[in-house]
Amino acid sequence: MRRSISRLAGLVLLLLVAACRREAAAPVRPGPPAVPQLVLAFYYPWYGRPDGPSGKWYHWNPATPRHNSTDTPVLGWYDSNDTATVRQHVRWAKAAGIDGFISSWWGPTSFEDRSLRVLLRVAEQEGFRVTALVEHPVTQDQLRDDLHTLISGHASSPAWLRVGGRPVVLFYDRVMQRFGPDDFRAAFEGTGAFTLADTFDPVKAAPFDGVFAYGPVQDVPAYLRDEPATRDAHHAAGRIFVASVVPGYDDRVIRQPGRFLDRAGGALYRSMWAGAAGAEWVTVTSWNEWHEGTEIEPSVEYATSFLELTRVLAGEWRGR
């Protein structure tokens, strides 16, 4: 009897040890890092005019009927280096429930670098967040140097968006296509950056803390259909998922034949916000990409309707 009890105890012990080994061998699924719930808008600081601080036409083209713009800004053909204009943008955005701008950035000597400085100064005064969308580097040295310069030159601003003290930086699809995961790992070394990739490819996204799609206008139904599975897959890999919302698209003023995606009175925008449930952040494409007609900034054509719709939909997404 004692032998039977002893054998039974030994068997139980072996089973417990085996179970512990199986549990230890199971893959760890950390889930995405904890981040604040944010709505961010892609921002284009690349507009200039000769009678403004920039001293030249930049991106607006006065030789065309609408200056290469799908719609017409309520503020007119403004200058991105004009502090009053930038302040108006920030105040409008805050009133619409937007927490920060993701400023298009083309390197340390670019027009956009100068205007990023203006944006940061205003954002510091207005209690607004700013980060950057890296679009410029073409070599591995540029990738590393640009990122280090961006962080050392701008991310010390109290307005710079951070996660757990780490400065946030986003990388556009063009850059994602030029470099591989090892290139990004090498560039990130020593920066402490919290990085997001414009890709859903799990291999390309491996060095990053999160993923986004700048503007999935090629096939919105497919994007919305796949969004929950894409989100869950990247969550399981420990990355945050950023949902994209686009009010419409029309680049026919700058490209032939171009692409057109009807705003449908806000129906497209509403459908994309509805698909954003479960995302840590939402990015609006865009605040002011006037060439491609994705802007929500007030226009002659739409007045403030898309700002007002953003305020409502952002509040619903936040659960308010």
C-alpha atoms as a PDB file:
ATOM      1  CA  MET A   1       0.000   0.000   0.000  1.00  0.00           C
ATOM      2  CA  ARG A   2       2.810   2.333   0.944  1.00  0.00           C
ATOM      3  CA  ARG A   3       4.572   1.499  -2.347  1.00  0.00           C
ATOM      4  CA  SER A   4       1.391   2.336  -4.293  1.00  0.00           C
ATOM      5  CA  ILE A   5       1.071   5.675  -2.513  1.00  0.00           C
ATOM      6  CA  SER A   6       4.730   6.382  -3.122  1.00  0.00           C
ATOM      7  CA  ARG A   7       4.411   5.539  -6.819  1.00  0.00           C
ATOM      8  CA  LEU A   8       1.296   7.697  -7.106  1.00  0.00           C
ATOM      9  CA  ALA A   9       3.068  10.637  -5.454  1.00  0.00           C
ATOM     10  CA  GLY A  10       6.011  10.191  -7.787  1.00  0.00           C
ATOM     11  CA  LEU A  11       3.718  10.136 -10.818  1.00  0.00           C
ATOM     12  CA  VAL A  12       1.973  13.328  -9.676  1.00  0.00           C
ATOM     13  CA  LEU A  13       5.358  14.986  -9.193  1.00  0.00           C
ATOM     14  CA  LEU A  14       6.476  13.989 -12.699  1.00  0.00           C
ATOM     15  CA  LEU A  15       3.258  15.333 -14.208  1.00  0.00           C
ATOM     16  CA  LEU A  16       3.694  18.645 -12.380  1.00  0.00           C
ATOM     17  CA  VAL A  17       7.285  18.960 -13.566  1.00  0.00           C
ATOM     18  CA  ALA A  18       6.244  18.196 -17.158  1.00  0.00           C
ATOM     19  CA  ALA A  19       3.450  20.770 -17.001  1.00  0.00           C
ATOM     20  CA  CYS A  20       5.849  23.416 -15.714  1.00  0.00           C
ATOM     21  CA  ARG A  21       8.290  22.618 -18.519  1.00  0.00           C
ATOM     22  CA  ARG A  22       5.541  22.918 -21.140  1.00  0.00           C
ATOM     23  CA  GLU A  23       4.448  26.246 -19.685  1.00  0.00           C
ATOM     24  CA  ALA A  24       8.030  27.513 -19.652  1.00  0.00           C
ATOM     25  CA  ALA A  25       8.514  26.425 -23.264  1.00  0.00           C
ATOM     26  CA  ALA A  26       5.314  28.140 -24.479  1.00  0.00           C
ATOM     27  CA  PRO A  27       5.944  31.292 -26.546  1.00  0.00           C
ATOM     28  CA  VAL A  28       5.564  34.540 -24.649  1.00  0.00           C
ATOM     29  CA  ARG A  29       3.018  36.925 -26.163  1.00  0.00           C
ATOM     30  CA  PRO A  30       3.790  40.257 -24.555  1.00  0.00           C
ATOM     31  CA  GLY A  31       1.003  42.255 -26.179  1.00  0.00           C
ATOM     32  CA  PRO A  32       1.452  45.854 -27.299  1.00  0.00           C
ATOM     33  CA  PRO A  33       3.086  48.388 -24.973  1.00  0.00           C
ATOM     34  CA  ALA A  34       0.796  50.607 -22.934  1.00  0.00           C
ATOM     35  CA  VAL A  35       0.328  53.956 -24.650  1.00  0.00           C
ATOM     36  CA  PRO A  36      -2.104  56.853 -24.210  1.00  0.00           C
ATOM     37  CA  GLN A  37      -5.124  56.893 -26.527  1.00  0.00           C
ATOM     38  CA  LEU A  38      -4.338  59.461 -29.218  1.00  0.00           C
ATOM     39  CA  VAL A  39      -5.707  60.991 -32.393  1.00  0.00           C
ATOM     40  CA  LEU A  40      -2.941  62.372 -34.622  1.00  0.00           C
ATOM     41  CA  ALA A  41      -3.124  64.055 -38.030  1.00  0.00           C
ATOM     42  CA  PHE A  42      -0.503  64.028 -40.786  1.00  0.00           C
ATOM     43  CA  TYR A  43       0.655  67.602 -41.270  1.00  0.00           C
ATOM     44  CA  TYR A  44       2.383  69.193 -44.283  1.00  0.00           C
ATOM     45  CA  PRO A  45       4.624  72.147 -43.373  1.00  0.00           C
ATOM     46  CA  TRP A  46       5.831  72.589 -46.939  1.00  0.00           C
ATOM     47  CA  TYR A  47       3.841  75.593 -48.179  1.00  0.00           C
ATOM     48  CA  GLY A  48       5.539  78.904 -48.929  1.00  0.00           C
ATOM     49  CA  ARG A  49       4.769  82.189 -50.666  1.00  0.00           C
ATOM     50  CA  PRO A  50       7.055  85.047 -51.751  1.00  0.00           C
ATOM     51  CA  ASP A  51       5.426  87.672 -49.511  1.00  0.00           C
ATOM     52  CA  GLY A  52       5.510  85.395 -46.449  1.00  0.00           C
ATOM     53  CA  PRO A  53       8.337  84.325 -44.115  1.00  0.00           C
ATOM     54  CA  SER A  54       9.451  81.653 -46.619  1.00  0.00           C
ATOM     55  CA  GLY A  55      10.157  84.263 -49.291  1.00  0.00           C
ATOM     56  CA  LYS A  56       9.156  82.024 -52.203  1.00  0.00           C
ATOM     57  CA  TRP A  57       6.401  79.912 -53.645  1.00  0.00           C
ATOM     58  CA  TYR A  58       6.794  76.387 -52.323  1.00  0.00           C
ATOM     59  CA  HIS A  59       4.366  73.578 -53.198  1.00  0.00           C
ATOM     60  CA  TRP A  60       1.667  76.074 -54.161  1.00  0.00           C
ATOM     61  CA  ASN A  61       1.955  76.623 -57.919  1.00  0.00           C
ATOM     62  CA  PRO A  62       0.610  80.044 -58.965  1.00  0.00           C
ATOM     63  CA  ALA A  63       0.808  79.052 -62.640  1.00  0.00           C
ATOM     64  CA  THR A  64      -2.157  76.679 -62.171  1.00  0.00           C
ATOM     65  CA  PRO A  65      -5.796  77.652 -61.571  1.00  0.00           C
ATOM     66  CA  ARG A  66      -5.847  76.290 -58.011  1.00  0.00           C
ATOM     67  CA  HIS A  67      -2.144  76.394 -57.195  1.00  0.00           C
ATOM     68  CA  ASN A  68      -1.900  72.578 -57.525  1.00  0.00           C
ATOM     69  CA  SER A  69      -4.549  72.203 -54.845  1.00  0.00           C
ATOM     70  CA  THR A  70      -7.617  69.973 -55.124  1.00  0.00           C
ATOM     71  CA  ASP A  71      -9.600  72.314 -52.876  1.00  0.00           C
ATOM     72  CA  THR A  72      -9.151  75.889 -51.682  1.00  0.00           C
ATOM     73  CA  PRO A  73      -7.973  76.680 -48.129  1.00  0.00           C
ATOM     74  CA  VAL A  74     -10.148  79.080 -46.169  1.00  0.00           C
ATOM     75  CA  LEU A  75      -6.867  80.727 -45.098  1.00  0.00           C
ATOM     76  CA  GLY A  76      -5.813  81.170 -48.728  1.00  0.00           C
ATOM     77  CA  TRP A  77      -2.451  80.094 -50.166  1.00  0.00           C
ATOM     78  CA  TYR A  78      -0.690  80.343 -46.836  1.00  0.00           C
ATOM     79  CA  ASP A  79       2.908  80.109 -45.655  1.00  0.00           C
ATOM     80  CA  SER A  80       3.898  77.250 -43.336  1.00  0.00           C
ATOM     81  CA  ASN A  81       6.484  79.462 -41.664  1.00  0.00           C
ATOM     82  CA  ASP A  82       3.872  82.013 -40.637  1.00  0.00           C
ATOM     83  CA  THR A  83       3.337  81.686 -36.889  1.00  0.00           C
ATOM     84  CA  ALA A  84      -0.230  83.012 -36.959  1.00  0.00           C
ATOM     85  CA  THR A  85      -1.238  80.430 -39.579  1.00  0.00           C
ATOM     86  CA  VAL A  86       0.335  77.570 -37.648  1.00  0.00           C
ATOM     87  CA  ARG A  87      -1.319  78.740 -34.434  1.00  0.00           C
ATOM     88  CA  GLN A  88      -4.706  78.732 -36.157  1.00  0.00           C
ATOM     89  CA  HIS A  89      -4.055  75.189 -37.395  1.00  0.00           C
ATOM     90  CA  VAL A  90      -3.190  73.975 -33.903  1.00  0.00           C
ATOM     91  CA  ARG A  91      -6.197  75.622 -32.294  1.00  0.00           C
ATOM     92  CA  TRP A  92      -8.570  74.241 -34.906  1.00  0.00           C
ATOM     93  CA  ALA A  93      -7.074  70.775 -34.483  1.00  0.00           C
ATOM     94  CA  LYS A  94      -7.353  70.825 -30.689  1.00  0.00           C
ATOM     95  CA  ALA A  95     -10.997  71.892 -30.916  1.00  0.00           C
ATOM     96  CA  ALA A  96     -11.628  68.929 -33.244  1.00  0.00           C
ATOM     97  CA  GLY A  97     -10.237  66.388 -30.754  1.00  0.00           C
ATOM     98  CA  ILE A  98      -6.818  65.996 -32.402  1.00  0.00           C
ATOM     99  CA  ASP A  99      -3.954  65.520 -29.933  1.00  0.00           C
ATOM    100  CA  GLY A 100      -1.027  66.228 -32.239  1.00  0.00           C
ATOM    101  CA  PHE A 101       0.441  66.617 -35.714  1.00  0.00           C
ATOM    102  CA  ILE A 102       2.771  64.220 -37.515  1.00  0.00           C
ATOM    103  CA  SER A 103       4.876  66.633 -39.533  1.00  0.00           C
ATOM    104  CA  SER A 104       6.294  65.549 -42.899  1.00  0.00           C
ATOM    105  CA  TRP A 105      10.089  65.772 -42.622  1.00  0.00           C
ATOM    106  CA  TRP A 106      12.631  65.741 -45.468  1.00  0.00           C
ATOM    107  CA  GLY A 107      15.947  66.002 -43.690  1.00  0.00           C
ATOM    108  CA  PRO A 108      17.956  68.456 -41.582  1.00  0.00           C
ATOM    109  CA  THR A 109      18.545  71.083 -44.300  1.00  0.00           C
ATOM    110  CA  SER A 110      15.076  70.967 -45.839  1.00  0.00           C
ATOM    111  CA  PHE A 111      12.320  73.570 -46.047  1.00  0.00           C
ATOM    112  CA  GLU A 112      10.236  71.245 -43.869  1.00  0.00           C
ATOM    113  CA  ASP A 113      12.890  71.250 -41.137  1.00  0.00           C
ATOM    114  CA  ARG A 114      12.666  75.022 -40.815  1.00  0.00           C
ATOM    115  CA  SER A 115       8.880  74.963 -40.608  1.00  0.00           C
ATOM    116  CA  LEU A 116       8.979  72.077 -38.115  1.00  0.00           C
ATOM    117  CA  ARG A 117      10.773  74.470 -35.773  1.00  0.00           C
ATOM    118  CA  VAL A 118       7.935  76.975 -36.156  1.00  0.00           C
ATOM    119  CA  LEU A 119       5.361  74.253 -35.494  1.00  0.00           C
ATOM    120  CA  LEU A 120       7.194  73.103 -32.354  1.00  0.00           C
ATOM    121  CA  ARG A 121       7.381  76.631 -30.936  1.00  0.00           C
ATOM    122  CA  VAL A 122       3.649  77.108 -31.405  1.00  0.00           C
ATOM    123  CA  ALA A 123       2.863  73.632 -30.056  1.00  0.00           C
ATOM    124  CA  GLU A 124       4.862  74.356 -26.894  1.00  0.00           C
ATOM    125  CA  GLN A 125       2.778  77.469 -26.302  1.00  0.00           C
ATOM    126  CA  GLU A 126      -0.531  75.784 -27.110  1.00  0.00           C
ATOM    127  CA  GLY A 127      -0.074  72.487 -25.219  1.00  0.00           C
ATOM    128  CA  PHE A 128      -0.086  70.386 -28.381  1.00  0.00           C
ATOM    129  CA  ARG A 129       1.973  67.347 -29.421  1.00  0.00           C
ATOM    130  CA  VAL A 130       4.233  67.011 -32.468  1.00  0.00           C
ATOM    131  CA  THR A 131       6.193  64.194 -34.055  1.00  0.00           C
ATOM    132  CA  ALA A 132       7.618  63.584 -37.536  1.00  0.00           C
ATOM    133  CA  LEU A 133       7.087  61.375 -40.566  1.00  0.00           C
ATOM    134  CA  VAL A 134      10.539  60.609 -41.992  1.00  0.00           C
ATOM    135  CA  GLU A 135      10.421  60.707 -45.810  1.00  0.00           C
ATOM    136  CA  HIS A 136      13.915  61.640 -46.966  1.00  0.00           C
ATOM    137  CA  PRO A 137      16.844  59.183 -46.505  1.00  0.00           C
ATOM    138  CA  VAL A 138      18.110  57.181 -49.480  1.00  0.00           C
ATOM    139  CA  THR A 139      21.292  55.660 -48.019  1.00  0.00           C
ATOM    140  CA  GLN A 140      21.930  53.787 -44.802  1.00  0.00           C
ATOM    141  CA  ASP A 141      24.209  56.568 -43.555  1.00  0.00           C
ATOM    142  CA  GLN A 142      21.460  59.122 -44.209  1.00  0.00           C
ATOM    143  CA  LEU A 143      18.922  56.952 -42.399  1.00  0.00           C
ATOM    144  CA  ARG A 144      21.096  56.808 -39.291  1.00  0.00           C
ATOM    145  CA  ASP A 145      22.298  60.416 -39.408  1.00  0.00           C
ATOM    146  CA  ASP A 146      18.869  61.881 -40.174  1.00  0.00           C
ATOM    147  CA  LEU A 147      17.241  60.032 -37.291  1.00  0.00           C
ATOM    148  CA  HIS A 148      19.937  61.073 -34.818  1.00  0.00           C
ATOM    149  CA  THR A 149      19.771  64.683 -36.059  1.00  0.00           C
ATOM    150  CA  LEU A 150      15.970  64.747 -35.859  1.00  0.00           C
ATOM    151  CA  ILE A 151      16.001  63.503 -32.270  1.00  0.00           C
ATOM    152  CA  SER A 152      18.895  65.643 -31.056  1.00  0.00           C
ATOM    153  CA  GLY A 153      17.655  68.765 -32.859  1.00  0.00           C
ATOM    154  CA  HIS A 154      13.912  68.593 -32.246  1.00  0.00           C
ATOM    155  CA  ALA A 155      12.816  65.861 -29.842  1.00  0.00           C
ATOM    156  CA  SER A 156      14.122  67.742 -26.821  1.00  0.00           C
ATOM    157  CA  SER A 157      11.123  70.062 -27.236  1.00  0.00           C
ATOM    158  CA  PRO A 158       8.510  69.560 -24.498  1.00  0.00           C
ATOM    159  CA  ALA A 159       5.928  69.396 -27.294  1.00  0.00           C
ATOM    160  CA  TRP A 160       7.520  66.314 -28.883  1.00  0.00           C
ATOM    161  CA  LEU A 161       5.335  63.214 -28.599  1.00  0.00           C
ATOM    162  CA  ARG A 162       6.839  60.591 -26.301  1.00  0.00           C
ATOM    163  CA  VAL A 163       5.897  57.131 -25.053  1.00  0.00           C
ATOM    164  CA  GLY A 164       7.432  56.191 -21.733  1.00  0.00           C
ATOM    165  CA  GLY A 165       9.948  58.985 -22.196  1.00  0.00           C
ATOM    166  CA  ARG A 166      10.921  57.733 -25.660  1.00  0.00           C
ATOM    167  CA  PRO A 167      10.577  60.165 -28.614  1.00  0.00           C
ATOM    168  CA  VAL A 168       8.093  58.943 -31.228  1.00  0.00           C
ATOM    169  CA  VAL A 169       9.168  58.849 -34.893  1.00  0.00           C
ATOM    170  CA  LEU A 170       7.257  57.466 -37.903  1.00  0.00           C
ATOM    171  CA  PHE A 171       8.720  56.158 -41.175  1.00  0.00           C
ATOM    172  CA  TYR A 172       6.873  56.551 -44.470  1.00  0.00           C
ATOM    173  CA  ASP A 173       6.352  53.712 -46.957  1.00  0.00           C
ATOM    174  CA  ARG A 174       8.975  55.129 -49.351  1.00  0.00           C
ATOM    175  CA  VAL A 175      11.614  54.758 -46.656  1.00  0.00           C
ATOM    176  CA  MET A 176      10.314  51.333 -45.647  1.00  0.00           C
ATOM    177  CA  GLN A 177      10.828  50.170 -49.237  1.00  0.00           C
ATOM    178  CA  ARG A 178      14.443  51.363 -49.334  1.00  0.00           C
ATOM    179  CA  PHE A 179      15.745  49.665 -46.200  1.00  0.00           C
ATOM    180  CA  GLY A 180      15.582  46.291 -44.503  1.00  0.00           C
ATOM    181  CA  PRO A 181      15.075  45.362 -40.831  1.00  0.00           C
ATOM    182  CA  ASP A 182      18.816  45.247 -40.081  1.00  0.00           C
ATOM    183  CA  ASP A 183      19.265  48.747 -41.525  1.00  0.00           C
ATOM    184  CA  PHE A 184      16.596  50.069 -39.185  1.00  0.00           C
ATOM    185  CA  ARG A 185      17.991  48.215 -36.168  1.00  0.00           C
ATOM    186  CA  ALA A 186      21.385  49.782 -36.785  1.00  0.00           C
ATOM    187  CA  ALA A 187      19.867  53.253 -37.242  1.00  0.00           C
ATOM    188  CA  PHE A 188      17.789  52.974 -34.060  1.00  0.00           C
ATOM    189  CA  GLU A 189      20.738  52.012 -31.890  1.00  0.00           C
ATOM    190  CA  GLY A 190      21.408  54.598 -29.219  1.00  0.00           C
ATOM    191  CA  THR A 191      18.375  56.771 -30.041  1.00  0.00           C
ATOM    192  CA  GLY A 192      15.853  55.347 -27.588  1.00  0.00           C
ATOM    193  CA  ALA A 193      13.168  56.159 -30.161  1.00  0.00           C
ATOM    194  CA  PHE A 194       9.662  54.697 -30.144  1.00  0.00           C
ATOM    195  CA  THR A 195       9.289  53.893 -33.841  1.00  0.00           C
ATOM    196  CA  LEU A 196       6.356  53.176 -36.140  1.00  0.00           C
ATOM    197  CA  ALA A 197       6.504  51.645 -39.614  1.00  0.00           C
ATOM    198  CA  ASP A 198       4.265  52.327 -42.596  1.00  0.00           C
ATOM    199  CA  THR A 199       3.839  48.619 -43.289  1.00  0.00           C
ATOM    200  CA  PHE A 200       1.854  45.629 -42.076  1.00  0.00           C
ATOM    201  CA  ASP A 201       4.500  43.148 -43.250  1.00  0.00           C
ATOM    202  CA  PRO A 202       5.569  41.310 -40.053  1.00  0.00           C
ATOM    203  CA  VAL A 203       9.161  40.850 -41.258  1.00  0.00           C
ATOM    204  CA  LYS A 204       9.650  44.513 -42.180  1.00  0.00           C
ATOM    205  CA  ALA A 205       7.891  45.613 -39.005  1.00  0.00           C
ATOM    206  CA  ALA A 206      10.017  43.465 -36.693  1.00  0.00           C
ATOM    207  CA  PRO A 207      12.373  46.254 -35.439  1.00  0.00           C
ATOM    208  CA  PHE A 208       9.484  48.675 -34.804  1.00  0.00           C
ATOM    209  CA  ASP A 209       7.205  49.391 -31.837  1.00  0.00           C
ATOM    210  CA  GLY A 210       4.102  49.881 -33.953  1.00  0.00           C
ATOM    211  CA  VAL A 211       2.598  49.868 -37.448  1.00  0.00           C
ATOM    212  CA  PHE A 212       0.347  52.139 -39.489  1.00  0.00           C
ATOM    213  CA  ALA A 213      -0.858  52.664 -43.046  1.00  0.00           C
ATOM    214  CA  TYR A 214      -0.450  56.233 -44.256  1.00  0.00           C
ATOM    215  CA  GLY A 215      -3.460  56.260 -46.548  1.00  0.00           C
ATOM    216  CA  PRO A 216      -5.002  52.950 -47.648  1.00  0.00           C
ATOM    217  CA  VAL A 217      -6.999  54.540 -50.475  1.00  0.00           C
ATOM    218  CA  GLN A 218      -6.241  51.888 -53.112  1.00  0.00           C
ATOM    219  CA  ASP A 219      -8.774  49.457 -51.614  1.00  0.00           C
ATOM    220  CA  VAL A 220     -10.625  50.766 -48.566  1.00  0.00           C
ATOM    221  CA  PRO A 221     -13.056  47.791 -48.348  1.00  0.00           C
ATOM    222  CA  ALA A 222     -10.119  45.362 -48.184  1.00  0.00           C
ATOM    223  CA  TYR A 223      -8.364  47.510 -45.577  1.00  0.00           C
ATOM    224  CA  LEU A 224     -11.464  47.583 -43.384  1.00  0.00           C
ATOM    225  CA  ARG A 225     -12.102  43.862 -43.891  1.00  0.00           C
ATOM    226  CA  ASP A 226      -8.570  42.903 -42.868  1.00  0.00           C
ATOM    227  CA  GLU A 227      -8.136  45.524 -40.145  1.00  0.00           C
ATOM    228  CA  PRO A 228      -9.170  43.391 -37.120  1.00  0.00           C
ATOM    229  CA  ALA A 229      -6.912  40.466 -38.078  1.00  0.00           C
ATOM    230  CA  THR A 230      -4.022  42.810 -38.883  1.00  0.00           C
ATOM    231  CA  ARG A 231      -4.436  44.555 -35.550  1.00  0.00           C
ATOM    232  CA  ASP A 232      -4.559  41.290 -33.600  1.00  0.00           C
ATOM    233  CA  ALA A 233      -1.485  39.884 -35.367  1.00  0.00           C
ATOM    234  CA  HIS A 234       0.645  42.913 -34.551  1.00  0.00           C
ATOM    235  CA  HIS A 235      -0.685  43.053 -30.997  1.00  0.00           C
ATOM    236  CA  ALA A 236       0.392  39.433 -30.567  1.00  0.00           C
ATOM    237  CA  ALA A 237       3.861  40.400 -31.782  1.00  0.00           C
ATOM    238  CA  GLY A 238       4.085  43.193 -29.190  1.00  0.00           C
ATOM    239  CA  ARG A 239       3.440  46.154 -31.498  1.00  0.00           C
ATOM    240  CA  ILE A 240       0.796  48.852 -31.242  1.00  0.00           C
ATOM    241  CA  PHE A 241      -1.665  49.174 -34.117  1.00  0.00           C
ATOM    242  CA  VAL A 242      -2.497  52.590 -35.540  1.00  0.00           C
ATOM    243  CA  ALA A 243      -5.734  52.836 -37.500  1.00  0.00           C
ATOM    244  CA  SER A 244      -5.919  55.123 -40.540  1.00  0.00           C
ATOM    245  CA  VAL A 245      -8.919  57.310 -41.335  1.00  0.00           C
ATOM    246  CA  VAL A 246      -9.241  59.182 -44.632  1.00  0.00           C
ATOM    247  CA  PRO A 247     -12.084  61.589 -45.556  1.00  0.00           C
ATOM    248  CA  GLY A 248     -11.552  61.167 -49.316  1.00  0.00           C
ATOM    249  CA  TYR A 249      -8.872  61.360 -51.980  1.00  0.00           C
ATOM    250  CA  ASP A 250      -8.405  63.255 -55.240  1.00  0.00           C
ATOM    251  CA  ASP A 251      -4.953  63.780 -56.757  1.00  0.00           C
ATOM    252  CA  ARG A 252      -6.107  64.505 -60.308  1.00  0.00           C
ATOM    253  CA  VAL A 253      -4.734  68.067 -60.160  1.00  0.00           C
ATOM    254  CA  ILE A 254      -1.156  66.749 -59.893  1.00  0.00           C
ATOM    255  CA  ARG A 255      -1.239  63.257 -61.472  1.00  0.00           C
ATOM    256  CA  GLN A 256      -2.642  61.842 -64.667  1.00  0.00           C
ATOM    257  CA  PRO A 257      -4.966  60.027 -64.713  1.00  0.00           C
ATOM    258  CA  GLY A 258      -4.874  60.244 -60.915  1.00  0.00           C
ATOM    259  CA  ARG A 259      -7.123  58.617 -58.346  1.00  0.00           C
ATOM    260  CA  PHE A 260     -10.471  59.752 -56.961  1.00  0.00           C
ATOM    261  CA  LEU A 261     -12.180  58.497 -53.816  1.00  0.00           C
ATOM    262  CA  ASP A 262     -15.487  60.223 -53.129  1.00  0.00           C
ATOM    263  CA  ARG A 263     -16.031  61.709 -49.681  1.00  0.00           C
ATOM    264  CA  ALA A 264     -19.701  60.757 -50.033  1.00  0.00           C
ATOM    265  CA  GLY A 265     -20.842  63.430 -47.615  1.00  0.00           C
ATOM    266  CA  GLY A 266     -18.670  61.985 -44.838  1.00  0.00           C
ATOM    267  CA  ALA A 267     -19.783  58.356 -45.268  1.00  0.00           C
ATOM    268  CA  LEU A 268     -16.275  57.159 -46.167  1.00  0.00           C
ATOM    269  CA  TYR A 269     -14.789  58.927 -43.157  1.00  0.00           C
ATOM    270  CA  ARG A 270     -17.424  57.470 -40.830  1.00  0.00           C
ATOM    271  CA  SER A 271     -16.787  53.935 -42.067  1.00  0.00           C
ATOM    272  CA  MET A 272     -13.058  54.211 -41.443  1.00  0.00           C
ATOM    273  CA  TRP A 273     -13.545  55.573 -37.933  1.00  0.00           C
ATOM    274  CA  ALA A 274     -15.921  52.686 -37.213  1.00  0.00           C
ATOM    275  CA  GLY A 275     -13.154  50.262 -38.192  1.00  0.00           C
ATOM    276  CA  ALA A 276     -10.665  51.877 -35.803  1.00  0.00           C
ATOM    277  CA  ALA A 277     -12.041  50.198 -32.679  1.00  0.00           C
ATOM    278  CA  GLY A 278      -9.299  48.437 -30.764  1.00  0.00           C
ATOM    279  CA  ALA A 279      -6.480  50.564 -32.175  1.00  0.00           C
ATOM    280  CA  GLU A 280      -4.197  52.373 -29.753  1.00  0.00           C
ATOM    281  CA  TRP A 281      -3.966  55.434 -31.976  1.00  0.00           C
ATOM    282  CA  VAL A 282      -5.818  56.844 -34.967  1.00  0.00           C
ATOM    283  CA  THR A 283      -4.063  58.836 -37.700  1.00  0.00           C
ATOM    284  CA  VAL A 284      -6.040  61.234 -39.883  1.00  0.00           C
ATOM    285  CA  THR A 285      -4.807  61.476 -43.465  1.00  0.00           C
ATOM    286  CA  SER A 286      -4.596  64.368 -43.528  1.00  0.00           C
ATOM    287  CA  TRP A 287      -4.715  67.783 -41.942  1.00  0.00           C
ATOM    288  CA  ASN A 288      -3.534  69.618 -45.054  1.00  0.00           C
ATOM    289  CA  GLU A 289      -2.311  67.481 -47.957  1.00  0.00           C
ATOM    290  CA  TRP A 290      -4.055  69.801 -50.413  1.00  0.00           C
ATOM    291  CA  HIS A 291      -2.459  68.238 -53.506  1.00  0.00           C
ATOM    292  CA  GLU A 292      -4.149  64.900 -52.860  1.00  0.00           C
ATOM    293  CA  GLY A 293      -7.422  66.272 -51.543  1.00  0.00           C
ATOM    294  CA  THR A 294      -7.319  64.460 -48.196  1.00  0.00           C
ATOM    295  CA  GLU A 295      -7.418  67.588 -46.045  1.00  0.00           C
ATOM    296  CA  ILE A 296      -9.780  68.150 -43.129  1.00  0.00           C
ATOM    297  CA  GLU A 297      -8.492  71.708 -42.639  1.00  0.00           C
ATOM    298  CA  PRO A 298     -11.318  74.162 -43.419  1.00  0.00           C
ATOM    299  CA  SER A 299     -11.787  74.756 -47.135  1.00  0.00           C
ATOM    300  CA  VAL A 300     -14.016  76.856 -49.356  1.00  0.00           C
ATOM    301  CA  GLU A 301     -15.619  73.639 -50.620  1.00  0.00           C
ATOM    302  CA  TYR A 302     -16.321  71.911 -47.265  1.00  0.00           C
ATOM    303  CA  ALA A 303     -16.075  74.802 -44.764  1.00  0.00           C
ATOM    304  CA  THR A 304     -15.548  73.301 -41.279  1.00  0.00           C
ATOM    305  CA  SER A 305     -17.720  70.216 -41.854  1.00  0.00           C
ATOM    306  CA  PHE A 306     -14.881  67.689 -41.656  1.00  0.00           C
ATOM    307  CA  LEU A 307     -13.433  69.328 -38.564  1.00  0.00           C
ATOM    308  CA  GLU A 308     -16.808  69.073 -36.882  1.00  0.00           C
ATOM    309  CA  LEU A 309     -17.196  65.467 -38.015  1.00  0.00           C
ATOM    310  CA  THR A 310     -13.719  64.678 -36.667  1.00  0.00           C
ATOM    311  CA  ARG A 311     -14.666  66.074 -33.273  1.00  0.00           C
ATOM    312  CA  VAL A 312     -17.739  63.837 -33.113  1.00  0.00           C
ATOM    313  CA  LEU A 313     -16.070  60.680 -34.410  1.00  0.00           C
ATOM    314  CA  ALA A 314     -12.949  61.101 -32.289  1.00  0.00           C
ATOM    315  CA  GLY A 315     -15.149  61.446 -29.236  1.00  0.00           C
ATOM    316  CA  GLU A 316     -17.062  58.278 -30.132  1.00  0.00           C
ATOM    317  CA  TRP A 317     -13.800  56.380 -30.699  1.00  0.00           C
ATOM    318  CA  ARG A 318     -12.600  57.441 -27.267  1.00  0.00           C
ATOM    319  CA  GLY A 319     -15.837  56.162 -25.766  1.00  0.00           C
ATOM    320  CA  ARG A 320     -17.113  59.550 -24.701  1.00  0.00           C
END
